[in-house]
Every structure is written in structure tokens, then in C-alpha cells.
N, C-alpha and C. Protein backbone atom coordinates (compact mmCIF):
# COMPACT_ATOMS: atom_id res chain seq x y z
N UNK A 1 48.78 4.85 129.74
CA UNK A 1 47.99 5.97 130.23
C UNK A 1 48.54 7.27 129.64
N UNK A 2 47.66 8.15 129.27
CA UNK A 2 48.05 9.41 128.66
C UNK A 2 48.81 10.27 129.69
N UNK A 3 49.98 10.74 129.31
CA UNK A 3 50.77 11.61 130.19
C UNK A 3 51.64 10.87 131.19
N UNK A 4 51.70 9.52 131.07
CA UNK A 4 52.49 8.74 132.03
C UNK A 4 53.98 9.09 131.93
N UNK A 5 54.45 9.28 130.71
CA UNK A 5 55.87 9.63 130.52
C UNK A 5 56.21 10.97 131.14
N UNK A 6 55.28 11.93 131.02
CA UNK A 6 55.51 13.25 131.61
C UNK A 6 55.58 13.15 133.13
N UNK A 7 54.68 12.37 133.71
CA UNK A 7 54.66 12.20 135.18
C UNK A 7 55.94 11.54 135.67
N UNK A 8 56.40 10.54 134.92
CA UNK A 8 57.65 9.86 135.30
C UNK A 8 58.83 10.83 135.23
N UNK A 9 58.84 11.64 134.19
CA UNK A 9 59.92 12.62 134.05
C UNK A 9 59.91 13.65 135.16
N UNK A 10 58.72 14.12 135.53
CA UNK A 10 58.60 15.11 136.60
C UNK A 10 58.99 14.50 137.95
N UNK A 11 58.64 13.23 138.16
CA UNK A 11 59.00 12.54 139.40
C UNK A 11 60.51 12.40 139.51
N UNK A 12 61.16 12.09 138.41
CA UNK A 12 62.63 11.97 138.39
C UNK A 12 63.28 13.32 138.65
N UNK A 13 62.71 14.36 138.05
CA UNK A 13 63.23 15.72 138.28
C UNK A 13 63.09 16.11 139.74
N UNK A 14 61.96 15.83 140.33
CA UNK A 14 61.72 16.16 141.74
C UNK A 14 62.67 15.37 142.64
N UNK A 15 62.88 14.09 142.30
CA UNK A 15 63.79 13.27 143.11
C UNK A 15 65.21 13.84 143.06
N UNK A 16 65.64 14.26 141.88
CA UNK A 16 66.98 14.85 141.74
C UNK A 16 67.08 16.20 142.46
N UNK A 17 66.00 17.00 142.34
CA UNK A 17 66.01 18.33 142.95
C UNK A 17 66.11 18.23 144.47
N UNK A 18 65.20 17.47 145.08
CA UNK A 18 65.21 17.38 146.55
C UNK A 18 66.38 16.55 147.05
N UNK A 19 66.80 15.58 146.25
CA UNK A 19 67.96 14.76 146.65
C UNK A 19 69.24 15.56 146.75
N UNK A 20 69.35 16.62 145.94
CA UNK A 20 70.58 17.44 145.97
C UNK A 20 70.72 18.22 147.27
N UNK A 21 69.63 18.30 148.06
CA UNK A 21 69.68 19.01 149.34
C UNK A 21 70.01 18.08 150.51
N UNK A 22 69.76 16.79 150.35
CA UNK A 22 69.92 15.87 151.48
C UNK A 22 71.02 14.83 151.27
N UNK A 23 71.34 14.50 150.03
CA UNK A 23 72.36 13.49 149.75
C UNK A 23 73.73 14.16 149.73
N UNK A 24 74.60 13.79 150.67
CA UNK A 24 75.90 14.45 150.81
C UNK A 24 76.74 14.33 149.55
N UNK A 25 76.67 13.19 148.87
CA UNK A 25 77.45 12.99 147.64
C UNK A 25 76.95 13.85 146.49
N UNK A 26 75.75 14.40 146.61
CA UNK A 26 75.18 15.17 145.51
C UNK A 26 75.06 16.65 145.82
N UNK A 27 75.53 17.06 146.99
CA UNK A 27 75.47 18.48 147.32
C UNK A 27 76.34 19.26 146.34
N UNK A 28 75.76 20.25 145.72
CA UNK A 28 76.48 20.99 144.68
C UNK A 28 77.14 22.27 145.20
N UNK A 29 76.73 22.74 146.37
CA UNK A 29 77.27 23.99 146.90
C UNK A 29 78.47 23.73 147.78
N UNK A 30 79.56 24.44 147.53
CA UNK A 30 80.77 24.36 148.35
C UNK A 30 80.99 25.73 148.97
N UNK A 31 81.24 25.76 150.27
CA UNK A 31 81.46 27.03 150.96
C UNK A 31 82.87 27.53 150.69
N UNK A 32 83.07 28.02 149.46
CA UNK A 32 84.37 28.53 149.03
C UNK A 32 84.58 29.92 149.64
N UNK A 33 85.78 30.30 150.12
CA UNK A 33 87.06 29.57 150.00
C UNK A 33 87.39 28.67 151.19
N UNK A 34 86.49 28.62 152.20
CA UNK A 34 86.78 27.74 153.35
C UNK A 34 86.79 26.28 152.93
N UNK A 35 85.89 25.90 152.04
CA UNK A 35 85.84 24.54 151.52
C UNK A 35 86.27 24.56 150.05
N UNK A 36 87.01 23.55 149.66
CA UNK A 36 87.47 23.47 148.27
C UNK A 36 87.30 22.06 147.73
N UNK A 37 86.92 21.98 146.50
CA UNK A 37 86.83 20.67 145.87
C UNK A 37 88.23 20.17 145.55
N UNK A 38 88.48 18.87 145.67
CA UNK A 38 89.83 18.36 145.33
C UNK A 38 90.14 18.55 143.86
N UNK A 39 91.38 18.93 143.58
CA UNK A 39 91.80 19.13 142.19
C UNK A 39 91.95 17.79 141.48
N UNK A 40 91.41 17.69 140.29
CA UNK A 40 91.63 16.49 139.50
C UNK A 40 92.88 16.69 138.64
N UNK A 41 93.56 15.61 138.32
CA UNK A 41 94.84 15.71 137.61
C UNK A 41 94.70 16.34 136.22
N UNK A 42 93.55 16.14 135.59
CA UNK A 42 93.36 16.66 134.24
C UNK A 42 92.99 18.15 134.22
N UNK A 43 92.97 18.79 135.39
CA UNK A 43 92.66 20.22 135.44
C UNK A 43 93.67 21.02 134.62
N UNK A 44 93.19 22.01 133.88
CA UNK A 44 94.11 22.88 133.16
C UNK A 44 93.58 24.30 133.23
N UNK A 45 94.43 25.19 133.68
CA UNK A 45 94.03 26.59 133.79
C UNK A 45 94.90 27.46 132.90
N UNK A 46 96.12 27.76 133.34
CA UNK A 46 97.00 28.60 132.54
C UNK A 46 98.38 27.95 132.44
N UNK A 47 99.14 28.23 131.39
CA UNK A 47 100.45 27.59 131.22
C UNK A 47 101.50 28.07 132.21
N UNK A 48 102.50 27.22 132.44
CA UNK A 48 103.69 27.61 133.19
C UNK A 48 104.90 26.94 132.56
N UNK A 49 106.09 27.43 132.86
CA UNK A 49 107.34 26.91 132.30
C UNK A 49 108.00 25.98 133.31
N UNK A 50 108.44 24.82 132.86
CA UNK A 50 109.08 23.83 133.74
C UNK A 50 110.59 24.04 133.72
N UNK A 51 111.20 23.96 134.90
CA UNK A 51 112.67 23.96 134.97
C UNK A 51 113.15 22.79 135.81
N UNK A 52 114.33 22.27 135.48
CA UNK A 52 114.95 21.17 136.22
C UNK A 52 115.98 21.73 137.19
N UNK A 53 116.21 21.01 138.30
CA UNK A 53 117.20 21.45 139.27
C UNK A 53 116.65 22.53 140.19
N UNK A 54 117.57 23.32 140.74
CA UNK A 54 117.18 24.33 141.72
C UNK A 54 117.23 25.75 141.16
N UNK A 55 117.96 25.95 140.08
CA UNK A 55 118.10 27.28 139.47
C UNK A 55 117.11 27.42 138.31
N UNK A 56 116.13 28.31 138.47
CA UNK A 56 115.09 28.42 137.43
C UNK A 56 115.63 28.93 136.11
N UNK A 57 116.66 29.76 136.14
CA UNK A 57 117.21 30.29 134.89
C UNK A 57 118.05 29.24 134.16
N UNK A 58 118.93 28.57 134.89
CA UNK A 58 119.79 27.56 134.27
C UNK A 58 119.02 26.31 133.90
N UNK A 59 118.05 25.94 134.73
CA UNK A 59 117.34 24.68 134.51
C UNK A 59 116.15 24.76 133.58
N UNK A 60 115.86 25.95 133.04
CA UNK A 60 114.70 26.11 132.18
C UNK A 60 114.79 25.22 130.94
N UNK A 61 113.76 24.44 130.70
CA UNK A 61 113.75 23.53 129.55
C UNK A 61 113.54 24.26 128.23
N UNK A 62 112.92 25.41 128.27
CA UNK A 62 112.62 26.16 127.05
C UNK A 62 113.90 26.59 126.35
N UNK A 63 113.98 26.30 125.04
CA UNK A 63 115.14 26.69 124.24
C UNK A 63 114.76 27.76 123.22
N UNK A 64 113.63 28.40 123.47
CA UNK A 64 113.19 29.54 122.66
C UNK A 64 113.00 29.17 121.19
N UNK A 65 112.41 28.00 120.94
CA UNK A 65 112.14 27.59 119.55
C UNK A 65 110.97 28.37 118.95
N UNK A 66 110.14 28.96 119.80
CA UNK A 66 109.04 29.85 119.42
C UNK A 66 107.87 29.15 118.71
N UNK A 67 107.83 27.83 118.80
CA UNK A 67 106.71 27.09 118.18
C UNK A 67 105.41 27.44 118.90
N UNK A 68 105.45 27.49 120.23
CA UNK A 68 104.23 27.79 120.99
C UNK A 68 103.71 29.19 120.66
N UNK A 69 104.62 30.14 120.48
CA UNK A 69 104.23 31.50 120.13
C UNK A 69 103.52 31.53 118.77
N UNK A 70 104.04 30.76 117.81
CA UNK A 70 103.46 30.73 116.47
C UNK A 70 102.11 30.02 116.44
N UNK A 71 101.97 28.97 117.25
CA UNK A 71 100.76 28.15 117.22
C UNK A 71 99.65 28.66 118.13
N UNK A 72 99.95 29.58 119.03
CA UNK A 72 98.96 30.09 120.00
C UNK A 72 97.80 30.78 119.27
N UNK A 73 96.56 30.27 119.39
CA UNK A 73 95.43 30.88 118.66
C UNK A 73 95.17 32.34 119.04
N UNK A 74 95.14 32.70 120.36
CA UNK A 74 94.87 34.11 120.67
C UNK A 74 96.11 34.99 120.66
N UNK A 75 97.28 34.41 120.34
CA UNK A 75 98.54 35.16 120.26
C UNK A 75 98.86 35.88 121.58
N UNK A 76 98.81 35.12 122.67
CA UNK A 76 99.07 35.72 123.99
C UNK A 76 100.48 35.41 124.50
N UNK A 77 101.31 34.70 123.71
CA UNK A 77 102.67 34.35 124.11
C UNK A 77 103.64 35.24 123.35
N UNK A 78 104.59 35.84 124.10
CA UNK A 78 105.59 36.73 123.50
C UNK A 78 106.98 36.23 123.89
N UNK A 79 107.79 35.86 122.89
CA UNK A 79 109.13 35.31 123.14
C UNK A 79 110.17 36.11 122.38
N UNK A 80 111.26 36.44 123.08
CA UNK A 80 112.44 37.04 122.43
C UNK A 80 113.60 36.07 122.63
N UNK A 81 114.14 35.56 121.52
CA UNK A 81 115.21 34.55 121.58
C UNK A 81 116.54 35.20 121.94
N UNK A 82 117.35 34.50 122.72
CA UNK A 82 118.66 35.01 123.12
C UNK A 82 119.63 34.99 121.94
N UNK A 83 120.63 35.86 122.02
CA UNK A 83 121.66 35.90 120.97
C UNK A 83 122.78 34.92 121.27
N UNK A 84 122.94 34.56 122.54
CA UNK A 84 124.00 33.63 122.95
C UNK A 84 123.38 32.34 123.48
N UNK A 85 124.27 31.43 123.89
CA UNK A 85 123.82 30.16 124.48
C UNK A 85 124.33 30.04 125.91
N UNK A 86 123.55 29.36 126.73
CA UNK A 86 123.95 29.08 128.11
C UNK A 86 123.80 27.58 128.38
N UNK A 87 124.64 27.01 129.26
CA UNK A 87 124.47 25.59 129.59
C UNK A 87 123.16 25.36 130.34
N UNK A 88 122.44 24.30 129.96
CA UNK A 88 121.20 23.97 130.65
C UNK A 88 121.50 23.11 131.88
N UNK A 89 120.47 22.48 132.45
CA UNK A 89 120.64 21.69 133.67
C UNK A 89 121.57 20.50 133.45
N UNK A 90 121.69 20.02 132.19
CA UNK A 90 122.58 18.89 131.89
C UNK A 90 123.96 19.35 131.44
N UNK A 91 124.15 20.67 131.34
CA UNK A 91 125.45 21.21 130.92
C UNK A 91 125.58 21.44 129.43
N UNK A 92 124.52 21.15 128.66
CA UNK A 92 124.56 21.33 127.22
C UNK A 92 124.23 22.78 126.86
N UNK A 93 125.05 23.43 126.04
CA UNK A 93 124.75 24.83 125.65
C UNK A 93 123.45 24.91 124.84
N UNK A 94 122.57 25.80 125.25
CA UNK A 94 121.27 25.94 124.59
C UNK A 94 120.90 27.42 124.47
N UNK A 95 120.14 27.74 123.44
CA UNK A 95 119.51 29.06 123.39
C UNK A 95 118.47 29.12 124.51
N UNK A 96 118.12 30.29 124.92
CA UNK A 96 117.15 30.46 126.00
C UNK A 96 116.30 31.69 125.69
N UNK A 97 115.12 31.78 126.28
CA UNK A 97 114.29 32.97 126.02
C UNK A 97 114.80 34.17 126.80
N UNK A 98 115.23 35.20 126.10
CA UNK A 98 115.61 36.44 126.78
C UNK A 98 114.36 37.07 127.38
N UNK A 99 113.23 36.83 126.72
CA UNK A 99 111.94 37.28 127.23
C UNK A 99 110.91 36.21 126.92
N UNK A 100 110.08 35.91 127.89
CA UNK A 100 108.97 34.97 127.69
C UNK A 100 107.81 35.46 128.54
N UNK A 101 106.80 36.02 127.89
CA UNK A 101 105.63 36.56 128.58
C UNK A 101 104.37 35.85 128.09
N UNK A 102 103.43 35.68 129.00
CA UNK A 102 102.10 35.18 128.64
C UNK A 102 101.06 36.12 129.23
N UNK A 103 100.19 36.61 128.38
CA UNK A 103 99.10 37.47 128.82
C UNK A 103 97.91 36.59 129.16
N UNK A 104 97.72 36.31 130.45
CA UNK A 104 96.66 35.37 130.84
C UNK A 104 95.27 36.00 130.76
N UNK A 105 95.20 37.32 130.53
CA UNK A 105 93.89 37.92 130.30
C UNK A 105 93.37 37.55 128.91
N UNK A 106 94.26 37.09 128.05
CA UNK A 106 93.89 36.70 126.68
C UNK A 106 93.89 35.18 126.53
N UNK A 107 94.75 34.49 127.29
CA UNK A 107 94.88 33.03 127.20
C UNK A 107 93.53 32.34 127.37
N UNK A 108 93.23 31.38 126.48
CA UNK A 108 91.96 30.65 126.56
C UNK A 108 92.14 29.22 127.05
N UNK A 109 93.33 28.91 127.60
CA UNK A 109 93.59 27.61 128.21
C UNK A 109 93.33 26.44 127.27
N UNK A 110 93.69 26.61 126.01
CA UNK A 110 93.43 25.58 125.00
C UNK A 110 94.44 24.43 125.05
N UNK A 111 95.61 24.68 125.63
CA UNK A 111 96.68 23.69 125.80
C UNK A 111 97.41 23.37 124.50
N UNK A 112 97.21 24.14 123.46
CA UNK A 112 97.92 23.89 122.20
C UNK A 112 99.42 24.10 122.40
N UNK A 113 99.80 25.09 123.20
CA UNK A 113 101.22 25.34 123.45
C UNK A 113 101.90 24.12 124.07
N UNK A 114 101.17 23.42 124.92
CA UNK A 114 101.70 22.20 125.56
C UNK A 114 101.86 21.09 124.53
N UNK A 115 100.86 20.95 123.68
CA UNK A 115 100.86 19.88 122.68
C UNK A 115 101.99 20.02 121.67
N UNK A 116 102.31 21.26 121.29
CA UNK A 116 103.30 21.46 120.22
C UNK A 116 104.73 21.57 120.74
N UNK A 117 104.92 21.73 122.05
CA UNK A 117 106.27 21.91 122.59
C UNK A 117 107.08 20.61 122.49
N UNK A 118 108.20 20.60 121.74
CA UNK A 118 108.98 19.37 121.58
C UNK A 118 109.92 19.09 122.76
N UNK A 119 110.00 20.02 123.71
CA UNK A 119 110.95 19.87 124.82
C UNK A 119 110.26 19.69 126.17
N UNK A 120 108.93 19.51 126.18
CA UNK A 120 108.16 19.39 127.42
C UNK A 120 108.49 20.52 128.38
N UNK A 121 108.60 21.73 127.83
CA UNK A 121 109.00 22.89 128.62
C UNK A 121 107.82 23.69 129.15
N UNK A 122 106.64 23.52 128.55
CA UNK A 122 105.48 24.29 128.97
C UNK A 122 104.34 23.34 129.29
N UNK A 123 103.72 23.54 130.44
CA UNK A 123 102.64 22.67 130.90
C UNK A 123 101.50 23.52 131.45
N UNK A 124 100.37 22.88 131.72
CA UNK A 124 99.21 23.60 132.23
C UNK A 124 99.15 23.51 133.74
N UNK A 125 98.93 24.65 134.37
CA UNK A 125 98.87 24.75 135.82
C UNK A 125 97.44 24.46 136.30
N UNK A 126 97.28 24.30 137.62
CA UNK A 126 95.96 24.10 138.21
C UNK A 126 95.55 25.31 139.04
N UNK A 127 96.41 26.33 139.08
CA UNK A 127 96.14 27.53 139.87
C UNK A 127 95.20 28.46 139.10
N UNK A 128 94.00 28.69 139.67
CA UNK A 128 93.02 29.53 138.99
C UNK A 128 92.78 30.85 139.74
N UNK A 129 93.35 30.99 140.92
CA UNK A 129 93.12 32.19 141.73
C UNK A 129 94.14 33.27 141.34
N UNK A 130 93.93 33.86 140.20
CA UNK A 130 94.88 34.83 139.66
C UNK A 130 94.24 36.21 139.46
N UNK A 131 93.14 36.45 140.14
CA UNK A 131 92.48 37.75 139.97
C UNK A 131 93.35 38.87 140.55
N UNK A 132 93.27 40.03 139.93
CA UNK A 132 94.07 41.17 140.35
C UNK A 132 93.33 42.45 140.00
N UNK A 133 93.67 43.53 140.72
CA UNK A 133 93.05 44.82 140.40
C UNK A 133 93.83 45.56 139.32
N UNK A 134 94.97 44.96 138.90
CA UNK A 134 95.78 45.55 137.82
C UNK A 134 95.47 44.78 136.54
N UNK A 135 94.58 45.33 135.74
CA UNK A 135 94.07 44.60 134.58
C UNK A 135 95.15 44.25 133.57
N UNK A 136 96.14 45.11 133.40
CA UNK A 136 97.13 44.89 132.34
C UNK A 136 98.44 44.32 132.89
N UNK A 137 99.14 45.04 133.71
CA UNK A 137 100.42 44.56 134.24
C UNK A 137 100.29 43.33 135.11
N UNK A 138 99.21 43.23 135.87
CA UNK A 138 99.03 42.10 136.79
C UNK A 138 98.72 40.80 136.10
N UNK A 139 98.24 40.87 134.88
CA UNK A 139 97.87 39.65 134.14
C UNK A 139 98.87 39.31 133.03
N UNK A 140 99.94 40.08 132.95
CA UNK A 140 101.02 39.77 131.99
C UNK A 140 102.17 39.16 132.80
N UNK A 141 102.32 37.85 132.71
CA UNK A 141 103.32 37.13 133.51
C UNK A 141 104.61 36.96 132.74
N UNK A 142 105.74 37.27 133.39
CA UNK A 142 107.06 37.12 132.74
C UNK A 142 107.62 35.73 133.04
N UNK A 143 108.82 35.46 132.51
CA UNK A 143 109.36 34.09 132.62
C UNK A 143 109.68 33.69 134.06
N UNK A 144 110.01 34.67 134.92
CA UNK A 144 110.28 34.33 136.32
C UNK A 144 108.98 33.93 137.02
N UNK A 145 107.91 34.65 136.75
CA UNK A 145 106.62 34.32 137.35
C UNK A 145 106.07 33.01 136.80
N UNK A 146 106.39 32.70 135.55
CA UNK A 146 105.88 31.49 134.90
C UNK A 146 106.69 30.25 135.28
N UNK A 147 107.93 30.42 135.74
CA UNK A 147 108.82 29.28 135.99
C UNK A 147 108.45 28.54 137.27
N UNK A 148 108.27 27.23 137.14
CA UNK A 148 107.97 26.37 138.28
C UNK A 148 108.76 25.08 138.12
N UNK A 149 109.16 24.51 139.25
CA UNK A 149 110.07 23.37 139.22
C UNK A 149 109.40 22.09 138.72
N UNK A 150 110.23 21.15 138.32
CA UNK A 150 109.74 19.84 137.90
C UNK A 150 109.07 19.11 139.06
N UNK A 151 109.53 19.39 140.29
CA UNK A 151 108.90 18.80 141.48
C UNK A 151 107.45 19.27 141.60
N UNK A 152 107.23 20.56 141.33
CA UNK A 152 105.86 21.10 141.36
C UNK A 152 105.01 20.42 140.28
N UNK A 153 105.58 20.25 139.10
CA UNK A 153 104.88 19.59 138.00
C UNK A 153 104.50 18.16 138.39
N UNK A 154 105.42 17.45 139.04
CA UNK A 154 105.14 16.08 139.50
C UNK A 154 104.05 16.06 140.57
N UNK A 155 103.97 17.12 141.33
CA UNK A 155 102.97 17.19 142.40
C UNK A 155 101.56 17.38 141.85
N UNK A 156 101.41 18.25 140.83
CA UNK A 156 100.07 18.55 140.33
C UNK A 156 99.60 17.59 139.23
N UNK A 157 100.55 17.04 138.47
CA UNK A 157 100.20 16.09 137.39
C UNK A 157 101.12 14.86 137.49
N UNK A 158 100.99 14.06 138.54
CA UNK A 158 101.95 12.97 138.77
C UNK A 158 102.06 11.94 137.65
N UNK A 159 100.95 11.53 137.08
CA UNK A 159 100.98 10.50 136.03
C UNK A 159 101.66 11.02 134.77
N UNK A 160 101.23 12.19 134.34
CA UNK A 160 101.79 12.81 133.14
C UNK A 160 103.27 13.13 133.33
N UNK A 161 103.63 13.68 134.50
CA UNK A 161 105.02 14.07 134.77
C UNK A 161 105.93 12.85 134.83
N UNK A 162 105.45 11.74 135.38
CA UNK A 162 106.25 10.52 135.44
C UNK A 162 106.58 10.02 134.04
N UNK A 163 105.59 10.08 133.13
CA UNK A 163 105.81 9.66 131.75
C UNK A 163 106.81 10.58 131.04
N UNK A 164 106.70 11.89 131.28
CA UNK A 164 107.62 12.85 130.68
C UNK A 164 109.04 12.63 131.20
N UNK A 165 109.18 12.45 132.51
CA UNK A 165 110.51 12.22 133.11
C UNK A 165 111.15 10.96 132.56
N UNK A 166 110.35 9.91 132.39
CA UNK A 166 110.87 8.65 131.86
C UNK A 166 111.35 8.83 130.42
N UNK A 167 110.57 9.56 129.61
CA UNK A 167 110.94 9.80 128.21
C UNK A 167 112.22 10.64 128.12
N UNK A 168 112.32 11.67 128.97
CA UNK A 168 113.51 12.52 128.96
C UNK A 168 114.75 11.74 129.42
N UNK A 169 114.58 10.89 130.43
CA UNK A 169 115.70 10.06 130.91
C UNK A 169 116.16 9.09 129.84
N UNK A 170 115.20 8.54 129.09
CA UNK A 170 115.53 7.62 127.99
C UNK A 170 116.30 8.35 126.90
N UNK A 171 115.87 9.57 126.57
CA UNK A 171 116.58 10.37 125.55
C UNK A 171 118.00 10.70 125.99
N UNK A 172 118.16 11.07 127.27
CA UNK A 172 119.50 11.38 127.78
C UNK A 172 120.40 10.15 127.75
N UNK A 173 119.85 8.99 128.12
CA UNK A 173 120.62 7.74 128.11
C UNK A 173 121.08 7.40 126.69
N UNK A 174 120.18 7.59 125.71
CA UNK A 174 120.54 7.31 124.31
C UNK A 174 121.63 8.27 123.83
N UNK A 175 121.50 9.54 124.20
CA UNK A 175 122.50 10.55 123.79
C UNK A 175 123.86 10.24 124.40
N UNK A 176 123.86 9.83 125.69
CA UNK A 176 125.12 9.48 126.36
C UNK A 176 125.76 8.25 125.73
N UNK A 177 124.92 7.25 125.40
CA UNK A 177 125.43 6.03 124.76
C UNK A 177 126.02 6.34 123.39
N UNK A 178 125.35 7.21 122.64
CA UNK A 178 125.84 7.60 121.31
C UNK A 178 127.17 8.34 121.42
N UNK A 179 127.27 9.24 122.40
CA UNK A 179 128.51 10.00 122.61
C UNK A 179 129.65 9.06 123.02
N UNK A 180 129.32 8.07 123.84
CA UNK A 180 130.32 7.09 124.29
C UNK A 180 130.82 6.26 123.12
N UNK A 181 129.91 5.81 122.26
CA UNK A 181 130.28 5.03 121.09
C UNK A 181 131.16 5.84 120.14
N UNK A 182 130.81 7.12 119.97
CA UNK A 182 131.60 7.99 119.09
C UNK A 182 133.00 8.17 119.64
N UNK A 183 133.11 8.34 120.97
CA UNK A 183 134.43 8.51 121.60
C UNK A 183 135.26 7.24 121.48
N UNK A 184 134.60 6.08 121.65
CA UNK A 184 135.31 4.80 121.54
C UNK A 184 135.79 4.57 120.10
N UNK A 185 134.93 4.91 119.12
CA UNK A 185 135.29 4.74 117.71
C UNK A 185 136.46 5.66 117.35
N UNK A 186 136.43 6.87 117.89
CA UNK A 186 137.51 7.82 117.62
C UNK A 186 138.83 7.33 118.23
N UNK A 187 138.74 6.79 119.44
CA UNK A 187 139.93 6.26 120.10
C UNK A 187 140.48 5.05 119.36
N UNK A 188 139.57 4.20 118.87
CA UNK A 188 139.99 3.00 118.13
C UNK A 188 140.64 3.40 116.80
N UNK A 189 140.13 4.44 116.16
CA UNK A 189 140.71 4.90 114.89
C UNK A 189 142.06 5.55 115.11
N UNK A 190 142.23 6.19 116.25
CA UNK A 190 143.49 6.89 116.54
C UNK A 190 144.59 5.93 116.99
N UNK A 191 144.21 4.75 117.52
CA UNK A 191 145.18 3.80 118.06
C UNK A 191 146.18 3.28 117.01
N UNK A 192 145.74 2.83 115.81
CA UNK A 192 146.70 2.36 114.80
C UNK A 192 147.65 3.46 114.32
N UNK A 193 147.11 4.67 114.21
CA UNK A 193 147.94 5.80 113.78
C UNK A 193 149.04 6.06 114.80
N UNK A 194 148.64 6.03 116.09
CA UNK A 194 149.62 6.26 117.16
C UNK A 194 150.66 5.15 117.17
N UNK A 195 150.21 3.91 116.92
CA UNK A 195 151.13 2.77 116.92
C UNK A 195 152.12 2.87 115.76
N UNK A 196 151.66 3.30 114.57
CA UNK A 196 152.56 3.43 113.42
C UNK A 196 153.55 4.55 113.60
N UNK A 197 153.11 5.64 114.23
CA UNK A 197 154.01 6.76 114.51
C UNK A 197 155.09 6.33 115.50
N UNK A 198 154.65 5.54 116.51
CA UNK A 198 155.61 5.06 117.50
C UNK A 198 156.63 4.12 116.85
N UNK A 199 156.15 3.27 115.89
CA UNK A 199 157.05 2.34 115.19
C UNK A 199 158.05 3.08 114.33
N UNK A 200 157.64 4.16 113.69
CA UNK A 200 158.54 4.92 112.84
C UNK A 200 159.63 5.64 113.64
N UNK A 201 159.29 6.07 114.81
CA UNK A 201 160.28 6.80 115.65
C UNK A 201 161.35 5.83 116.18
N UNK A 202 161.02 4.54 116.23
CA UNK A 202 162.05 3.57 116.65
C UNK A 202 162.98 3.34 115.51
């Protein structure tokens, strides 16, 4: 019949239109901010810096390699590398960012900074309620404002954070095993020398 396809299409459109008012699973309106949709794990809004332990300055994973700053398409990341080194959460001396700012008024939430970071130091947050009446200063976040704990990261992105924690733990275990082997080899090499010196003194 002529126009049958058009009628079927209009009927489907009408069913979807009226169904969105009566079907609870299809209601599109949320009474925000009293009602909120549940956050999905893949949500990404603006970057934040991850730190381990309880001290955000000492535990900061960022070693100021500046890769994220170089790769950022809108150039909204500003990093000043430290002149000295400080021990990180594991006690290893590392460079740290003397300054780390992100201008979220420019950030386009592309996640490139996360992808290129070799230390899993920068991740994407789920917090989108960042409006302010201070257009410039209020939207330029410094390293203290950007720093959030690994526990927070595990809370908002549990699957991803578990994989990152496992990889970091594996790297630490390998580094410790390598250091142990080097110490044992050094001790084994020093033992014959010590024995010969002891024999000569007799």
C-alpha cells in the first residue's frame, strides 16, 4: 500500500513519544539537583592528580616529566619542574612539580594527558559541578586542588584503578627483586676478597 512505510514510521515515533511519559525506564527528565543519574565508571570530566598514602605532596605520583603538558591539544596544562628531588611515597628520590596548574575553562576533556602519562599520575574525574562566578582564577586549578588520593580514584573508577594498582605493585616487586639480586651479587663478589685479606693477615 502506498505510504505504508511512512505510517509505520509515524506510529513508531508516536509510540516512543508517548511512551517516554509513562514508561519509568524511559523517562528522560531528572529533577536535578534533587535527583541525580548514577555515575557510570567511564565518565570523564576534568583531570586530577593521583597521590599515594596520606600526604598529598609526598605521595604525588607526578615526577614532572611534562609529557602531558607537551601533548595537551588546547595547551591548558602548566608545569614547572623542581630543581631538587624529594622522596616519594616509596622513599625513592624523585623530581616533583613545583607548579602544576590546569585551566579547566580551556580543557576539552580529551583524556590525552591520561593516555600519555607513564606514571599513572593523572586521571579523569567524574566531578562536573565546577561552575564559579570567577571566570579566570576560579577555573585555574593548582596542584593542591587537583590532588586526590588513590582511594578516591579506586572509588570512582574501581576496575581501572585495580588494574593500575596491580601493575604498579608488579613493577615495585620487580624493582625490589632486582635490587635484592644486585645486593646478593655484590656480597658474593666481596666474600672471596674478604677471605683472602683475612688469610693474608694470618
